[in-house]
C-alpha atoms as a PDB file:
ATOM      1  CA  UNK A   1     113.877 129.605 107.676  1.00  0.00           C
ATOM      2  CA  UNK A   2     117.250 128.009 108.429  1.00  0.00           C
ATOM      3  CA  UNK A   3     119.718 130.442 110.004  1.00  0.00           C
ATOM      4  CA  UNK A   4     122.402 129.756 107.380  1.00  0.00           C
ATOM      5  CA  UNK A   5     120.010 130.398 104.496  1.00  0.00           C
ATOM      6  CA  UNK A   6     118.709 133.539 106.158  1.00  0.00           C
ATOM      7  CA  UNK A   7     122.230 134.900 106.521  1.00  0.00           C
ATOM      8  CA  UNK A   8     123.034 134.161 102.880  1.00  0.00           C
ATOM      9  CA  UNK A   9     119.909 136.016 101.751  1.00  0.00           C
ATOM     10  CA  UNK A  10     120.769 138.974 103.972  1.00  0.00           C
ATOM     11  CA  UNK A  11     124.295 139.084 102.542  1.00  0.00           C
ATOM     12  CA  UNK A  12     122.760 139.075  99.059  1.00  0.00           C
ATOM     13  CA  UNK A  13     120.997 142.308  99.931  1.00  0.00           C
ATOM     14  CA  UNK A  14     117.465 141.006 100.530  1.00  0.00           C
ATOM     15  CA  UNK A  15     115.910 143.079 103.358  1.00  0.00           C
ATOM     16  CA  UNK A  16     114.962 141.329 106.583  1.00  0.00           C
ATOM     17  CA  UNK A  17     111.358 142.524 106.289  1.00  0.00           C
ATOM     18  CA  UNK A  18     110.962 140.803 102.916  1.00  0.00           C
ATOM     19  CA  UNK A  19     112.457 137.602 104.302  1.00  0.00           C
ATOM     20  CA  UNK A  20     110.068 137.664 107.262  1.00  0.00           C
ATOM     21  CA  UNK A  21     107.003 138.263 105.104  1.00  0.00           C
ATOM     22  CA  UNK A  22     108.091 135.608 102.602  1.00  0.00           C
ATOM     23  CA  UNK A  23     108.575 133.039 105.361  1.00  0.00           C
ATOM     24  CA  UNK A  24     105.189 133.944 106.833  1.00  0.00           C
ATOM     25  CA  UNK A  25     103.503 133.602 103.440  1.00  0.00           C
ATOM     26  CA  UNK A  26     105.196 130.242 102.861  1.00  0.00           C
ATOM     27  CA  UNK A  27     103.869 128.905 106.169  1.00  0.00           C
ATOM     28  CA  UNK A  28     100.360 130.109 105.303  1.00  0.00           C
ATOM     29  CA  UNK A  29     100.503 128.240 101.981  1.00  0.00           C
ATOM     30  CA  UNK A  30     101.755 125.083 103.693  1.00  0.00           C
ATOM     31  CA  UNK A  31      99.031 125.294 106.331  1.00  0.00           C
ATOM     32  CA  UNK A  32      96.315 125.726 103.687  1.00  0.00           C
ATOM     33  CA  UNK A  33      97.605 122.758 101.667  1.00  0.00           C
ATOM     34  CA  UNK A  34      97.762 120.529 104.731  1.00  0.00           C
ATOM     35  CA  UNK A  35      94.227 121.491 105.741  1.00  0.00           C
ATOM     36  CA  UNK A  36      92.961 120.816 102.200  1.00  0.00           C
ATOM     37  CA  UNK A  37      94.775 117.466 102.051  1.00  0.00           C
ATOM     38  CA  UNK A  38      93.220 116.269 105.313  1.00  0.00           C
ATOM     39  CA  UNK A  39      89.827 116.254 103.587  1.00  0.00           C
ATOM     40  CA  UNK A  40      90.938 114.265 100.535  1.00  0.00           C
ATOM     41  CA  UNK A  41      89.275 111.021 101.648  1.00  0.00           C
ATOM     42  CA  UNK A  42      92.417 108.996 102.381  1.00  0.00           C
ATOM     43  CA  UNK A  43      91.537 108.702 106.075  1.00  0.00           C
ATOM     44  CA  UNK A  44      88.396 106.727 105.297  1.00  0.00           C
ATOM     45  CA  UNK A  45      87.304 104.909 108.453  1.00  0.00           C
ATOM     46  CA  UNK A  46      84.716 102.640 106.860  1.00  0.00           C
ATOM     47  CA  UNK A  47      84.946  98.923 107.559  1.00  0.00           C
ATOM     48  CA  UNK A  48      85.879  96.723 104.627  1.00  0.00           C
ATOM     49  CA  UNK A  49      83.815  93.553 104.225  1.00  0.00           C
ATOM     50  CA  UNK A  50      85.625  91.055 102.046  1.00  0.00           C
ATOM     51  CA  UNK A  51      83.941  88.807  99.507  1.00  0.00           C
ATOM     52  CA  UNK A  52      84.089  85.034  99.656  1.00  0.00           C
ATOM     53  CA  UNK A  53      84.236  82.322  97.038  1.00  0.00           C
ATOM     54  CA  UNK A  54      86.883  80.637  94.927  1.00  0.00           C
ATOM     55  CA  UNK A  55      86.324  83.044  92.031  1.00  0.00           C
ATOM     56  CA  UNK A  56      87.022  86.317  93.915  1.00  0.00           C
ATOM     57  CA  UNK A  57      89.965  87.849  95.707  1.00  0.00           C
ATOM     58  CA  UNK A  58      89.857  87.572  99.489  1.00  0.00           C
ATOM     59  CA  UNK A  59      92.584  89.127 101.664  1.00  0.00           C
ATOM     60  CA  UNK A  60      94.801  86.771 103.628  1.00  0.00           C
ATOM     61  CA  UNK A  61      95.291  89.610 106.128  1.00  0.00           C
ATOM     62  CA  UNK A  62      94.096  93.218 106.181  1.00  0.00           C
ATOM     63  CA  UNK A  63      93.059  94.566 102.785  1.00  0.00           C
ATOM     64  CA  UNK A  64      95.255  97.430 101.578  1.00  0.00           C
ATOM     65  CA  UNK A  65      93.464 100.727 100.886  1.00  0.00           C
ATOM     66  CA  UNK A  66      90.050  99.249  99.996  1.00  0.00           C
ATOM     67  CA  UNK A  67      88.440 102.713  99.753  1.00  0.00           C
ATOM     68  CA  UNK A  68      91.278 104.499  97.943  1.00  0.00           C
ATOM     69  CA  UNK A  69      89.009 104.929  94.917  1.00  0.00           C
ATOM     70  CA  UNK A  70      86.913 107.364  96.972  1.00  0.00           C
ATOM     71  CA  UNK A  71      89.827 109.781  97.296  1.00  0.00           C
ATOM     72  CA  UNK A  72      89.485 113.204  95.771  1.00  0.00           C
ATOM     73  CA  UNK A  73      91.190 113.409  92.379  1.00  0.00           C
ATOM     74  CA  UNK A  74      93.395 116.376  91.592  1.00  0.00           C
ATOM     75  CA  UNK A  75      91.986 116.799  88.088  1.00  0.00           C
ATOM     76  CA  UNK A  76      88.287 117.101  87.243  1.00  0.00           C
ATOM     77  CA  UNK A  77      86.482 114.506  85.134  1.00  0.00           C
ATOM     78  CA  UNK A  78      89.360 112.022  85.216  1.00  0.00           C
ATOM     79  CA  UNK A  79      87.159 109.143  86.381  1.00  0.00           C
ATOM     80  CA  UNK A  80      85.838 108.265  82.935  1.00  0.00           C
ATOM     81  CA  UNK A  81      88.994 108.517  80.825  1.00  0.00           C
ATOM     82  CA  UNK A  82      89.320 104.760  80.305  1.00  0.00           C
ATOM     83  CA  UNK A  83      86.959 101.798  80.663  1.00  0.00           C
ATOM     84  CA  UNK A  84      88.732  98.748  82.066  1.00  0.00           C
ATOM     85  CA  UNK A  85      87.697  95.344  80.746  1.00  0.00           C
ATOM     86  CA  UNK A  86      88.248  92.820  83.512  1.00  0.00           C
ATOM     87  CA  UNK A  87      89.222  89.195  82.900  1.00  0.00           C
ATOM     88  CA  UNK A  88      86.333  86.749  83.463  1.00  0.00           C
ATOM     89  CA  UNK A  89      87.172  84.050  86.018  1.00  0.00           C
ATOM     90  CA  UNK A  90      87.117  80.452  84.869  1.00  0.00           C
ATOM     91  CA  UNK A  91      88.692  77.210  86.049  1.00  0.00           C
ATOM     92  CA  UNK A  92      88.273  75.643  82.600  1.00  0.00           C
ATOM     93  CA  UNK A  93      91.704  74.731  81.230  1.00  0.00           C
ATOM     94  CA  UNK A  94      90.602  76.006  77.807  1.00  0.00           C
ATOM     95  CA  UNK A  95      89.633  79.442  79.171  1.00  0.00           C
ATOM     96  CA  UNK A  96      91.625  82.627  78.712  1.00  0.00           C
ATOM     97  CA  UNK A  97      91.822  83.032  82.491  1.00  0.00           C
ATOM     98  CA  UNK A  98      93.460  79.642  82.926  1.00  0.00           C
ATOM     99  CA  UNK A  99      95.833  80.320  80.032  1.00  0.00           C
ATOM    100  CA  UNK A 100      97.011  83.658  81.438  1.00  0.00           C
ATOM    101  CA  UNK A 101      97.592  82.032  84.838  1.00  0.00           C
ATOM    102  CA  UNK A 102      99.432  79.190  83.142  1.00  0.00           C
ATOM    103  CA  UNK A 103     101.724  81.754  81.516  1.00  0.00           C
ATOM    104  CA  UNK A 104     102.624  83.177  84.933  1.00  0.00           C
ATOM    105  CA  UNK A 105     103.366  79.658  86.164  1.00  0.00           C
ATOM    106  CA  UNK A 106     105.492  78.776  83.129  1.00  0.00           C
ATOM    107  CA  UNK A 107     107.435  82.050  83.059  1.00  0.00           C
ATOM    108  CA  UNK A 108     108.216  82.073  86.773  1.00  0.00           C
ATOM    109  CA  UNK A 109     109.254  78.437  86.681  1.00  0.00           C
ATOM    110  CA  UNK A 110     111.856  79.231  84.014  1.00  0.00           C
ATOM    111  CA  UNK A 111     113.100  82.706  84.877  1.00  0.00           C
ATOM    112  CA  UNK A 112     116.290  83.873  83.224  1.00  0.00           C
ATOM    113  CA  UNK A 113     118.813  85.766  85.395  1.00  0.00           C
ATOM    114  CA  UNK A 114     117.776  88.969  83.602  1.00  0.00           C
ATOM    115  CA  UNK A 115     114.070  88.421  84.274  1.00  0.00           C
ATOM    116  CA  UNK A 116     114.780  87.739  87.936  1.00  0.00           C
ATOM    117  CA  UNK A 117     116.901  90.889  88.170  1.00  0.00           C
ATOM    118  CA  UNK A 118     114.069  92.921  86.615  1.00  0.00           C
ATOM    119  CA  UNK A 119     111.514  91.519  89.071  1.00  0.00           C
ATOM    120  CA  UNK A 120     113.686  92.300  92.080  1.00  0.00           C
ATOM    121  CA  UNK A 121     114.717  95.754  90.839  1.00  0.00           C
ATOM    122  CA  UNK A 122     111.117  96.920  90.387  1.00  0.00           C
ATOM    123  CA  UNK A 123     109.850  95.184  93.498  1.00  0.00           C
ATOM    124  CA  UNK A 124     110.720  98.483  95.216  1.00  0.00           C
ATOM    125  CA  UNK A 125     111.278  96.723  98.490  1.00  0.00           C
ATOM    126  CA  UNK A 126     115.025  96.032  98.565  1.00  0.00           C
ATOM    127  CA  UNK A 127     116.444  94.963 101.908  1.00  0.00           C
ATOM    128  CA  UNK A 128     112.890  95.116 103.265  1.00  0.00           C
ATOM    129  CA  UNK A 129     112.794  98.907 102.832  1.00  0.00           C
ATOM    130  CA  UNK A 130     109.697  99.744 100.832  1.00  0.00           C
ATOM    131  CA  UNK A 131     109.995 102.960  98.831  1.00  0.00           C
ATOM    132  CA  UNK A 132     106.933 102.269  96.619  1.00  0.00           C
ATOM    133  CA  UNK A 133     106.521 102.879  92.912  1.00  0.00           C
ATOM    134  CA  UNK A 134     105.910 106.560  93.757  1.00  0.00           C
ATOM    135  CA  UNK A 135     109.318 106.831  95.412  1.00  0.00           C
ATOM    136  CA  UNK A 136     111.025 105.008  92.556  1.00  0.00           C
ATOM    137  CA  UNK A 137     109.673 107.377  89.905  1.00  0.00           C
ATOM    138  CA  UNK A 138     110.397 110.399  92.085  1.00  0.00           C
ATOM    139  CA  UNK A 139     114.031 109.277  92.163  1.00  0.00           C
ATOM    140  CA  UNK A 140     114.028 108.903  88.363  1.00  0.00           C
ATOM    141  CA  UNK A 141     112.456 112.362  88.020  1.00  0.00           C
ATOM    142  CA  UNK A 142     115.046 113.980  90.285  1.00  0.00           C
ATOM    143  CA  UNK A 143     117.885 112.465  88.247  1.00  0.00           C
ATOM    144  CA  UNK A 144     116.380 113.688  84.971  1.00  0.00           C
ATOM    145  CA  UNK A 145     115.902 117.198  86.360  1.00  0.00           C
ATOM    146  CA  UNK A 146     119.575 117.286  87.364  1.00  0.00           C
ATOM    147  CA  UNK A 147     120.708 115.758  84.078  1.00  0.00           C
ATOM    148  CA  UNK A 148     118.765 118.251  81.970  1.00  0.00           C
ATOM    149  CA  UNK A 149     119.534 121.173  84.305  1.00  0.00           C
ATOM    150  CA  UNK A 150     115.941 122.325  84.465  1.00  0.00           C
ATOM    151  CA  UNK A 151     115.389 125.769  85.987  1.00  0.00           C
ATOM    152  CA  UNK A 152     113.468 125.902  89.258  1.00  0.00           C
ATOM    153  CA  UNK A 153     109.979 126.560  87.890  1.00  0.00           C
ATOM    154  CA  UNK A 154     110.214 123.941  85.142  1.00  0.00           C
ATOM    155  CA  UNK A 155     111.520 121.443  87.681  1.00  0.00           C
ATOM    156  CA  UNK A 156     108.607 122.183  90.006  1.00  0.00           C
ATOM    157  CA  UNK A 157     106.135 121.756  87.138  1.00  0.00           C
ATOM    158  CA  UNK A 158     107.765 118.449  86.191  1.00  0.00           C
ATOM    159  CA  UNK A 159     107.415 117.095  89.729  1.00  0.00           C
ATOM    160  CA  UNK A 160     103.813 118.303  89.844  1.00  0.00           C
ATOM    161  CA  UNK A 161     102.802 116.694  86.547  1.00  0.00           C
ATOM    162  CA  UNK A 162     104.378 113.374  87.487  1.00  0.00           C
ATOM    163  CA  UNK A 163     102.849 113.324  90.976  1.00  0.00           C
ATOM    164  CA  UNK A 164      99.371 114.386  89.834  1.00  0.00           C
ATOM    165  CA  UNK A 165      99.330 111.782  87.056  1.00  0.00           C
ATOM    166  CA  UNK A 166     100.374 109.011  89.447  1.00  0.00           C
ATOM    167  CA  UNK A 167      97.951 110.124  92.157  1.00  0.00           C
ATOM    168  CA  UNK A 168      94.897 110.181  89.929  1.00  0.00           C
ATOM    169  CA  UNK A 169      95.949 106.982  88.142  1.00  0.00           C
ATOM    170  CA  UNK A 170      96.198 105.251  91.524  1.00  0.00           C
ATOM    171  CA  UNK A 171      92.594 106.208  92.307  1.00  0.00           C
ATOM    172  CA  UNK A 172      91.417 104.654  89.040  1.00  0.00           C
ATOM    173  CA  UNK A 173      93.575 101.560  89.525  1.00  0.00           C
ATOM    174  CA  UNK A 174      92.209 100.947  93.015  1.00  0.00           C
ATOM    175  CA  UNK A 175      88.692 101.529  91.744  1.00  0.00           C
ATOM    176  CA  UNK A 176      89.265  98.667  89.322  1.00  0.00           C
ATOM    177  CA  UNK A 177      90.860  96.462  91.937  1.00  0.00           C
ATOM    178  CA  UNK A 178      87.988  96.577  94.399  1.00  0.00           C
ATOM    179  CA  UNK A 179      85.293  96.680  91.729  1.00  0.00           C
ATOM    180  CA  UNK A 180      86.367  93.411  90.097  1.00  0.00           C
ATOM    181  CA  UNK A 181      88.236  91.603  92.929  1.00  0.00           C
ATOM    182  CA  UNK A 182      90.280  89.493  90.526  1.00  0.00           C
ATOM    183  CA  UNK A 183      92.211  86.597  92.055  1.00  0.00           C
ATOM    184  CA  UNK A 184      95.957  86.868  92.363  1.00  0.00           C
ATOM    185  CA  UNK A 185      98.086  84.319  90.448  1.00  0.00           C
ATOM    186  CA  UNK A 186      99.290  82.811  93.725  1.00  0.00           C
ATOM    187  CA  UNK A 187      95.762  81.830  94.738  1.00  0.00           C
ATOM    188  CA  UNK A 188      94.615  80.644  91.320  1.00  0.00           C
ATOM    189  CA  UNK A 189      97.755  78.671  90.507  1.00  0.00           C
ATOM    190  CA  UNK A 190      97.722  76.913  93.870  1.00  0.00           C
ATOM    191  CA  UNK A 191      94.032  76.052  93.368  1.00  0.00           C
ATOM    192  CA  UNK A 192      94.152  74.959  89.739  1.00  0.00           C
ATOM    193  CA  UNK A 193      97.741  74.157  88.682  1.00  0.00           C
ATOM    194  CA  UNK A 194     100.293  73.547  91.435  1.00  0.00           C
ATOM    195  CA  UNK A 195      99.482  73.670  95.174  1.00  0.00           C
ATOM    196  CA  UNK A 196     103.165  74.168  96.036  1.00  0.00           C
ATOM    197  CA  UNK A 197     103.924  77.069  93.683  1.00  0.00           C
ATOM    198  CA  UNK A 198     105.125  80.388  95.136  1.00  0.00           C
ATOM    199  CA  UNK A 199     105.785  83.730  93.426  1.00  0.00           C
ATOM    200  CA  UNK A 200     109.285  85.217  93.407  1.00  0.00           C
ATOM    201  CA  UNK A 201     108.165  88.351  95.254  1.00  0.00           C
ATOM    202  CA  UNK A 202     105.523  88.807  97.939  1.00  0.00           C
ATOM    203  CA  UNK A 203     101.917  89.120  96.788  1.00  0.00           C
ATOM    204  CA  UNK A 204     100.487  92.522  97.863  1.00  0.00           C
ATOM    205  CA  UNK A 205      97.311  92.580 100.014  1.00  0.00           C
ATOM    206  CA  UNK A 206      94.960  93.992  97.400  1.00  0.00           C
ATOM    207  CA  UNK A 207      93.148  92.576  94.336  1.00  0.00           C
ATOM    208  CA  UNK A 208      95.072  91.765  91.172  1.00  0.00           C
ATOM    209  CA  UNK A 209      93.399  93.780  88.396  1.00  0.00           C
ATOM    210  CA  UNK A 210      94.614  96.137  87.061  1.00  0.00           C
ATOM    211  CA  UNK A 211      98.353  95.927  87.727  1.00  0.00           C
ATOM    212  CA  UNK A 212      99.273  98.968  89.799  1.00  0.00           C
ATOM    213  CA  UNK A 213     102.961  99.128  88.825  1.00  0.00           C
ATOM    214  CA  UNK A 214     102.028  99.135  85.140  1.00  0.00           C
ATOM    215  CA  UNK A 215      99.335 101.768  85.696  1.00  0.00           C
ATOM    216  CA  UNK A 216     101.403 104.124  87.806  1.00  0.00           C
ATOM    217  CA  UNK A 217     104.706 103.673  85.969  1.00  0.00           C
ATOM    218  CA  UNK A 218     103.089 104.368  82.613  1.00  0.00           C
ATOM    219  CA  UNK A 219     101.285 107.405  84.028  1.00  0.00           C
ATOM    220  CA  UNK A 220     104.581 108.717  85.409  1.00  0.00           C
ATOM    221  CA  UNK A 221     106.447 108.051  82.166  1.00  0.00           C
ATOM    222  CA  UNK A 222     103.855 109.786  79.995  1.00  0.00           C
ATOM    223  CA  UNK A 223     103.771 112.795  82.322  1.00  0.00           C
ATOM    224  CA  UNK A 224     107.570 113.038  82.215  1.00  0.00           C
ATOM    225  CA  UNK A 225     107.529 112.811  78.414  1.00  0.00           C
ATOM    226  CA  UNK A 226     105.756 116.165  78.404  1.00  0.00           C
ATOM    227  CA  UNK A 227     108.861 117.663  80.044  1.00  0.00           C
ATOM    228  CA  UNK A 228     111.704 115.645  78.527  1.00  0.00           C
ATOM    229  CA  UNK A 229     110.316 114.282  75.263  1.00  0.00           C
ATOM    230  CA  UNK A 230     109.376 110.785  74.146  1.00  0.00           C
ATOM    231  CA  UNK A 231     112.972 109.846  73.270  1.00  0.00           C
ATOM    232  CA  UNK A 232     114.425 110.723  76.644  1.00  0.00           C
ATOM    233  CA  UNK A 233     116.953 108.082  77.699  1.00  0.00           C
ATOM    234  CA  UNK A 234     116.887 106.969  81.322  1.00  0.00           C
ATOM    235  CA  UNK A 235     119.629 105.612  83.540  1.00  0.00           C
ATOM    236  CA  UNK A 236     117.944 104.277  86.663  1.00  0.00           C
ATOM    237  CA  UNK A 237     120.400 103.972  89.544  1.00  0.00           C
ATOM    238  CA  UNK A 238     117.789 103.987  92.301  1.00  0.00           C
ATOM    239  CA  UNK A 239     119.393 101.076  94.161  1.00  0.00           C
ATOM    240  CA  UNK A 240     123.095 101.223  93.371  1.00  0.00           C
ATOM    241  CA  UNK A 241     123.731 102.306  96.956  1.00  0.00           C
ATOM    242  CA  UNK A 242     122.709  98.828  98.116  1.00  0.00           C
ATOM    243  CA  UNK A 243     124.577  96.963  95.403  1.00  0.00           C
ATOM    244  CA  UNK A 244     121.895  96.584  92.719  1.00  0.00           C
ATOM    245  CA  UNK A 245     123.085  97.233  89.177  1.00  0.00           C
ATOM    246  CA  UNK A 246     121.692 100.302  87.431  1.00  0.00           C
ATOM    247  CA  UNK A 247     119.341  99.792  84.516  1.00  0.00           C
ATOM    248  CA  UNK A 248     119.347 101.758  81.258  1.00  0.00           C
ATOM    249  CA  UNK A 249     116.445 102.512  78.932  1.00  0.00           C
ATOM    250  CA  UNK A 250     116.173 104.168  75.536  1.00  0.00           C
ATOM    251  CA  UNK A 251     113.010 105.977  76.632  1.00  0.00           C
ATOM    252  CA  UNK A 252     110.725 106.623  79.571  1.00  0.00           C
ATOM    253  CA  UNK A 253     108.092 104.386  77.985  1.00  0.00           C
ATOM    254  CA  UNK A 254     110.605 101.531  77.860  1.00  0.00           C
ATOM    255  CA  UNK A 255     111.281 101.936  81.589  1.00  0.00           C
ATOM    256  CA  UNK A 256     107.539 101.879  82.316  1.00  0.00           C
ATOM    257  CA  UNK A 257     107.073  98.783  80.165  1.00  0.00           C
ATOM    258  CA  UNK A 258     109.777  96.960  82.095  1.00  0.00           C
ATOM    259  CA  UNK A 259     108.232  98.030  85.393  1.00  0.00           C
ATOM    260  CA  UNK A 260     104.966  96.462  84.303  1.00  0.00           C
ATOM    261  CA  UNK A 261     106.540  93.227  83.047  1.00  0.00           C
ATOM    262  CA  UNK A 262     108.483  92.910  86.280  1.00  0.00           C
ATOM    263  CA  UNK A 263     105.232  91.950  88.009  1.00  0.00           C
ATOM    264  CA  UNK A 264     104.748  89.026  85.608  1.00  0.00           C
ATOM    265  CA  UNK A 265     108.311  87.865  86.303  1.00  0.00           C
ATOM    266  CA  UNK A 266     107.684  88.340  90.017  1.00  0.00           C
ATOM    267  CA  UNK A 267     104.608  86.122  89.786  1.00  0.00           C
ATOM    268  CA  UNK A 268     102.055  88.579  91.128  1.00  0.00           C
ATOM    269  CA  UNK A 269     100.255  89.764  87.955  1.00  0.00           C
ATOM    270  CA  UNK A 270      98.855  88.356  84.726  1.00  0.00           C
ATOM    271  CA  UNK A 271     100.089  89.831  81.451  1.00  0.00           C
ATOM    272  CA  UNK A 272      96.570  90.974  80.562  1.00  0.00           C
ATOM    273  CA  UNK A 273      96.296  93.003  83.780  1.00  0.00           C
ATOM    274  CA  UNK A 274      99.658  94.594  83.041  1.00  0.00           C
ATOM    275  CA  UNK A 275      98.519  95.583  79.550  1.00  0.00           C
ATOM    276  CA  UNK A 276      95.226  97.008  80.803  1.00  0.00           C
ATOM    277  CA  UNK A 277      97.041  98.862  83.576  1.00  0.00           C
ATOM    278  CA  UNK A 278      99.465 100.419  81.094  1.00  0.00           C
ATOM    279  CA  UNK A 279      96.594 101.598  78.913  1.00  0.00           C
ATOM    280  CA  UNK A 280      94.826 103.062  81.940  1.00  0.00           C
ATOM    281  CA  UNK A 281      97.991 104.871  83.045  1.00  0.00           C
ATOM    282  CA  UNK A 282      98.749 106.257  79.583  1.00  0.00           C
ATOM    283  CA  UNK A 283      95.213 107.488  78.962  1.00  0.00           C
ATOM    284  CA  UNK A 284      95.001 109.068  82.413  1.00  0.00           C
ATOM    285  CA  UNK A 285      98.325 110.882  82.084  1.00  0.00           C
ATOM    286  CA  UNK A 286      97.527 112.234  78.611  1.00  0.00           C
ATOM    287  CA  UNK A 287      94.160 113.525  79.818  1.00  0.00           C
ATOM    288  CA  UNK A 288      95.757 115.173  82.837  1.00  0.00           C
ATOM    289  CA  UNK A 289      98.657 116.805  80.977  1.00  0.00           C
ATOM    290  CA  UNK A 290      96.321 118.146  78.323  1.00  0.00           C
ATOM    291  CA  UNK A 291      94.199 119.859  80.978  1.00  0.00           C
ATOM    292  CA  UNK A 292      96.919 121.136  83.290  1.00  0.00           C
ATOM    293  CA  UNK A 293      98.081 124.736  83.179  1.00  0.00           C
ATOM    294  CA  UNK A 294     100.625 126.198  85.574  1.00  0.00           C
ATOM    295  CA  UNK A 295     100.737 129.709  84.144  1.00  0.00           C
ATOM    296  CA  UNK A 296      98.218 132.352  83.224  1.00  0.00           C
ATOM    297  CA  UNK A 297      97.875 132.998  79.508  1.00  0.00           C
END
């Protein structure tokens, strides 16, 4: 315990023995959580063997988290909450796959200033500092907790619901990614439409489907709705400290929708994958919130 905090507690009349026992108990809890987390599967040492062929995703460098789907979920029975329907690869110009890739090409070739701003804002890698979609929604959550002046326990529950929803949704998203190995727009467009085309933002080193930002942002938004309501307005000033303009939303769902669409504007996801990701994130979060209980009845 920090010396200044300890002194303030002592001045408030809390006995030293209680402080010592409380600090000891806190360390025991932290130690138990750390030990439990070390067996969650995230340190998987298996070797990833990539697929080959023009119709499947193949990493240009090291594949990112190829066994993330084997992580332990925080909520039981979450694995079967939603059945993804993957897009079927085709190079036929009349196919739905070609058409959704063509949309990415057309949209990114004619970006409005607003669309470009959205893509860069939700890239979550400003100035080369990557805070991830998890960090972005944690920042949003912290602002909402302050804005609504939530008491300590409600604030802790809000953080927990958001984090659990995003964690378990990420497992399901990565399960889809490495089950279907869908090509990224960059690869497909360069093969079938324009060999010189480049996306606005960097293509991540993992398969395309489903869109992770859409999945995780929607999961976070739906979890936060359980604390703040479905009409909770959001002012997102995550990056004003580096000169990026804040963005305002009428609801949490609207913020999540923009986060998903940002990946189309950035040129790294198809609209269909964004829509499927959003549905996966929403269904996962609703299942989780319905089953979570932080207090004894």
